[in-house]
C-alpha atoms as a PDB file:
ATOM      1  CA  MET A   1       0.000   0.000   0.000  1.00  0.00           C
ATOM      2  CA  PRO A   2       1.582   3.319  -1.034  1.00  0.00           C
ATOM      3  CA  SER A   3       1.990   6.076   1.486  1.00  0.00           C
ATOM      4  CA  LEU A   4       1.020   9.641   0.715  1.00  0.00           C
ATOM      5  CA  GLN A   5       4.056  11.142  -0.992  1.00  0.00           C
ATOM      6  CA  SER A   6       5.178  13.902  -3.326  1.00  0.00           C
ATOM      7  CA  VAL A   7       4.569  13.411  -7.054  1.00  0.00           C
ATOM      8  CA  VAL A   8       6.590  14.949  -9.879  1.00  0.00           C
ATOM      9  CA  LEU A   9       4.594  15.697 -13.055  1.00  0.00           C
ATOM     10  CA  THR A  10       6.361  16.848 -16.227  1.00  0.00           C
ATOM     11  CA  ASP A  11       4.562  19.196 -18.606  1.00  0.00           C
ATOM     12  CA  ARG A  12       4.908  19.370 -22.392  1.00  0.00           C
ATOM     13  CA  ALA A  13       6.508  22.825 -22.612  1.00  0.00           C
ATOM     14  CA  ALA A  14       9.196  23.331 -25.290  1.00  0.00           C
ATOM     15  CA  THR A  15      11.623  22.958 -22.394  1.00  0.00           C
ATOM     16  CA  PRO A  16       9.726  20.549 -20.128  1.00  0.00           C
ATOM     17  CA  VAL A  17       9.253  21.620 -16.529  1.00  0.00           C
ATOM     18  CA  ASN A  18       8.925  19.243 -13.584  1.00  0.00           C
ATOM     19  CA  HIS A  19       6.160  20.227 -11.166  1.00  0.00           C
ATOM     20  CA  THR A  20       6.535  18.755  -7.687  1.00  0.00           C
ATOM     21  CA  LEU A  21       3.219  18.372  -5.899  1.00  0.00           C
ATOM     22  CA  VAL A  22       3.488  17.726  -2.167  1.00  0.00           C
ATOM     23  CA  PRO A  23       0.970  16.052   0.159  1.00  0.00           C
ATOM     24  CA  ILE A  24      -1.710  18.309   1.593  1.00  0.00           C
ATOM     25  CA  SER A  25      -4.341  15.840   2.753  1.00  0.00           C
ATOM     26  CA  ALA A  26      -5.315  12.219   3.118  1.00  0.00           C
ATOM     27  CA  PRO A  27      -8.352  12.127   5.382  1.00  0.00           C
ATOM     28  CA  PRO A  28      -9.135   8.479   6.117  1.00  0.00           C
ATOM     29  CA  SER A  29     -12.855   9.229   6.216  1.00  0.00           C
ATOM     30  CA  THR A  30     -12.998  10.332   2.561  1.00  0.00           C
ATOM     31  CA  GLY A  31     -10.362   8.004   1.143  1.00  0.00           C
ATOM     32  CA  VAL A  32      -9.068  10.838  -1.045  1.00  0.00           C
ATOM     33  CA  ALA A  33      -5.361  11.699  -1.068  1.00  0.00           C
ATOM     34  CA  THR A  34      -4.352  15.099  -2.444  1.00  0.00           C
ATOM     35  CA  VAL A  35      -0.998  16.564  -3.448  1.00  0.00           C
ATOM     36  CA  ALA A  36      -0.566  20.164  -4.541  1.00  0.00           C
ATOM     37  CA  LYS A  37       1.853  22.795  -5.762  1.00  0.00           C
ATOM     38  CA  GLY A  38       1.120  26.338  -4.730  1.00  0.00           C
ATOM     39  CA  ASP A  39       2.350  29.556  -6.223  1.00  0.00           C
ATOM     40  CA  GLY A  40       1.988  31.538  -3.021  1.00  0.00           C
ATOM     41  CA  THR A  41      -1.793  31.402  -2.617  1.00  0.00           C
ATOM     42  CA  LEU A  42      -4.257  28.586  -2.059  1.00  0.00           C
ATOM     43  CA  VAL A  43      -6.442  29.815  -4.912  1.00  0.00           C
ATOM     44  CA  GLY A  44      -3.707  29.062  -7.454  1.00  0.00           C
ATOM     45  CA  GLU A  45      -2.732  25.579  -6.306  1.00  0.00           C
ATOM     46  CA  LYS A  46      -2.251  22.877  -8.898  1.00  0.00           C
ATOM     47  CA  LYS A  47      -3.820  19.746  -7.371  1.00  0.00           C
ATOM     48  CA  LEU A  48      -3.800  16.025  -8.047  1.00  0.00           C
ATOM     49  CA  SER A  49      -6.127  13.827  -6.051  1.00  0.00           C
ATOM     50  CA  ILE A  50      -6.580  10.083  -6.102  1.00  0.00           C
ATOM     51  CA  SER A  51      -9.244   7.974  -4.479  1.00  0.00           C
ATOM     52  CA  THR A  52     -10.076   4.319  -4.583  1.00  0.00           C
ATOM     53  CA  ARG A  53     -13.012   2.277  -3.393  1.00  0.00           C
ATOM     54  CA  ARG A  54     -14.648  -1.086  -3.932  1.00  0.00           C
ATOM     55  CA  VAL A  55     -18.122  -1.088  -5.419  1.00  0.00           C
ATOM     56  CA  ASN A  56     -20.178  -4.147  -6.400  1.00  0.00           C
ATOM     57  CA  GLY A  57     -17.163  -6.411  -6.775  1.00  0.00           C
ATOM     58  CA  LYS A  58     -15.189  -3.812  -8.718  1.00  0.00           C
ATOM     59  CA  MET A  59     -12.260  -1.578  -7.860  1.00  0.00           C
ATOM     60  CA  LYS A  60     -12.893   2.042  -8.822  1.00  0.00           C
ATOM     61  CA  THR A  61     -10.012   4.493  -8.803  1.00  0.00           C
ATOM     62  CA  ARG A  62     -10.453   8.149  -9.703  1.00  0.00           C
ATOM     63  CA  ILE A  63      -7.651  10.556 -10.514  1.00  0.00           C
ATOM     64  CA  LEU A  64      -8.430  14.273 -10.724  1.00  0.00           C
ATOM     65  CA  LEU A  65      -5.969  16.962 -11.849  1.00  0.00           C
ATOM     66  CA  ALA A  66      -6.859  20.644 -11.438  1.00  0.00           C
ATOM     67  CA  LEU A  67      -4.689  23.327 -13.042  1.00  0.00           C
ATOM     68  CA  PRO A  68      -5.880  26.884 -12.331  1.00  0.00           C
ATOM     69  CA  VAL A  69      -4.615  29.958 -14.154  1.00  0.00           C
ATOM     70  CA  VAL A  70      -4.364  32.890 -11.768  1.00  0.00           C
ATOM     71  CA  GLN A  71      -4.232  36.581 -12.519  1.00  0.00           C
ATOM     72  CA  THR A  72      -3.882  39.522 -10.167  1.00  0.00           C
ATOM     73  CA  GLU A  73      -7.025  41.648 -10.078  1.00  0.00           C
ATOM     74  CA  ILE A  74      -6.816  45.203  -8.750  1.00  0.00           C
ATOM     75  CA  ILE A  75      -9.972  46.776  -7.360  1.00  0.00           C
ATOM     76  CA  ASN A  76      -9.817  50.094  -5.517  1.00  0.00           C
ATOM     77  CA  GLY A  77      -6.045  49.732  -5.265  1.00  0.00           C
ATOM     78  CA  ILE A  78      -6.252  46.286  -3.627  1.00  0.00           C
ATOM     79  CA  SER A  79      -4.529  43.410  -5.439  1.00  0.00           C
ATOM     80  CA  SER A  80      -6.067  39.950  -5.180  1.00  0.00           C
ATOM     81  CA  PRO A  81      -5.251  36.701  -6.984  1.00  0.00           C
ATOM     82  CA  VAL A  82      -8.222  35.455  -9.016  1.00  0.00           C
ATOM     83  CA  VAL A  83      -8.673  32.215 -10.957  1.00  0.00           C
ATOM     84  CA  ILE A  84      -9.510  33.285 -14.511  1.00  0.00           C
ATOM     85  CA  ARG A  85      -9.807  29.763 -15.921  1.00  0.00           C
ATOM     86  CA  GLU A  86      -9.029  26.206 -14.921  1.00  0.00           C
ATOM     87  CA  ALA A  87      -8.181  22.947 -16.660  1.00  0.00           C
ATOM     88  CA  TRP A  88      -9.629  19.764 -15.162  1.00  0.00           C
ATOM     89  CA  VAL A  89      -8.649  16.214 -16.044  1.00  0.00           C
ATOM     90  CA  ASP A  90     -10.838  13.502 -14.566  1.00  0.00           C
ATOM     91  CA  ALA A  91     -10.070   9.826 -15.203  1.00  0.00           C
ATOM     92  CA  THR A  92     -11.837   6.884 -13.599  1.00  0.00           C
ATOM     93  CA  PHE A  93     -10.449   3.374 -13.867  1.00  0.00           C
ATOM     94  CA  THR A  94     -12.797   0.488 -13.090  1.00  0.00           C
ATOM     95  CA  PHE A  95     -11.485  -3.062 -12.824  1.00  0.00           C
ATOM     96  CA  ALA A  96     -13.219  -6.304 -11.913  1.00  0.00           C
ATOM     97  CA  ALA A  97     -12.104  -7.554  -8.515  1.00  0.00           C
ATOM     98  CA  THR A  98     -10.925 -10.693 -10.337  1.00  0.00           C
ATOM     99  CA  SER A  99      -8.698  -8.781 -12.771  1.00  0.00           C
ATOM    100  CA  SER A 100      -5.026  -9.669 -12.686  1.00  0.00           C
ATOM    101  CA  LEU A 101      -2.160  -7.330 -11.919  1.00  0.00           C
ATOM    102  CA  GLN A 102      -1.004  -7.679 -15.543  1.00  0.00           C
ATOM    103  CA  GLU A 103      -4.463  -6.799 -16.901  1.00  0.00           C
ATOM    104  CA  ARG A 104      -4.583  -3.637 -14.770  1.00  0.00           C
ATOM    105  CA  ASP A 105      -0.998  -2.752 -15.687  1.00  0.00           C
ATOM    106  CA  ASP A 106      -1.764  -3.196 -19.404  1.00  0.00           C
ATOM    107  CA  ALA A 107      -4.901  -1.045 -19.184  1.00  0.00           C
ATOM    108  CA  VAL A 108      -3.058   1.786 -17.402  1.00  0.00           C
ATOM    109  CA  GLY A 109      -0.119   1.543 -19.818  1.00  0.00           C
ATOM    110  CA  MET A 110      -2.388   1.630 -22.868  1.00  0.00           C
ATOM    111  CA  PHE A 111      -4.276   4.619 -21.474  1.00  0.00           C
ATOM    112  CA  ALA A 112      -1.008   6.480 -20.812  1.00  0.00           C
ATOM    113  CA  SER A 113       0.165   5.586 -24.335  1.00  0.00           C
ATOM    114  CA  ALA A 114      -3.036   7.019 -25.820  1.00  0.00           C
ATOM    115  CA  LEU A 115      -2.028  10.412 -24.413  1.00  0.00           C
ATOM    116  CA  GLY A 116       1.285  10.505 -26.306  1.00  0.00           C
ATOM    117  CA  THR A 117       1.923  13.415 -28.676  1.00  0.00           C
ATOM    118  CA  THR A 118       2.211  11.023 -31.623  1.00  0.00           C
ATOM    119  CA  LYS A 119      -1.316   9.680 -31.092  1.00  0.00           C
ATOM    120  CA  VAL A 120      -2.968  12.245 -33.370  1.00  0.00           C
ATOM    121  CA  LEU A 121      -6.546  11.060 -32.813  1.00  0.00           C
ATOM    122  CA  VAL A 122      -6.365  11.700 -29.078  1.00  0.00           C
ATOM    123  CA  ASN A 123      -3.728  14.462 -28.938  1.00  0.00           C
ATOM    124  CA  ASP A 124      -5.230  16.730 -31.593  1.00  0.00           C
ATOM    125  CA  VAL A 125      -8.713  16.487 -30.100  1.00  0.00           C
ATOM    126  CA  LEU A 126      -7.537  17.108 -26.521  1.00  0.00           C
ATOM    127  CA  VAL A 127      -4.704  19.576 -27.109  1.00  0.00           C
ATOM    128  CA  LYS A 128      -5.600  21.327 -30.349  1.00  0.00           C
ATOM    129  CA  GLY A 129      -9.359  21.295 -29.816  1.00  0.00           C
ATOM    130  CA  GLU A 130      -9.962  19.748 -33.231  1.00  0.00           C
ATOM    131  CA  MET A 131     -13.067  17.813 -34.148  1.00  0.00           C
ATOM    132  CA  ILE A 132     -13.084  14.212 -35.330  1.00  0.00           C
ATOM    133  CA  TRP A 133     -14.259  13.632 -38.887  1.00  0.00           C
END
């Protein structure tokens, strides 16, 4: 069983940047573990949360990534950070309780592979906002 730990996520910038997200919560009552990277304010935190539960003989794991874009807003001479937009990625993996380790590993690997920049069908729809024809 993994312990709550920091996670390093690499972006796709021309010069890739590693983003280290550190643990902020793992309340046993909710079963949700969260890591985050702040830029000085809570409103601008990049967050990754993961939760897992067993439902009707299945294992359900949900991963949620939130990436806010913050801008400083000045009203009456007072500066405040404000989220102007946010990207959300929400993936849920559901496996039969009888699935093997290799089956789960293959499914996760194939999903990760689908997100590669060379996978035009997925990449161009997600990243470029293009439609499928």
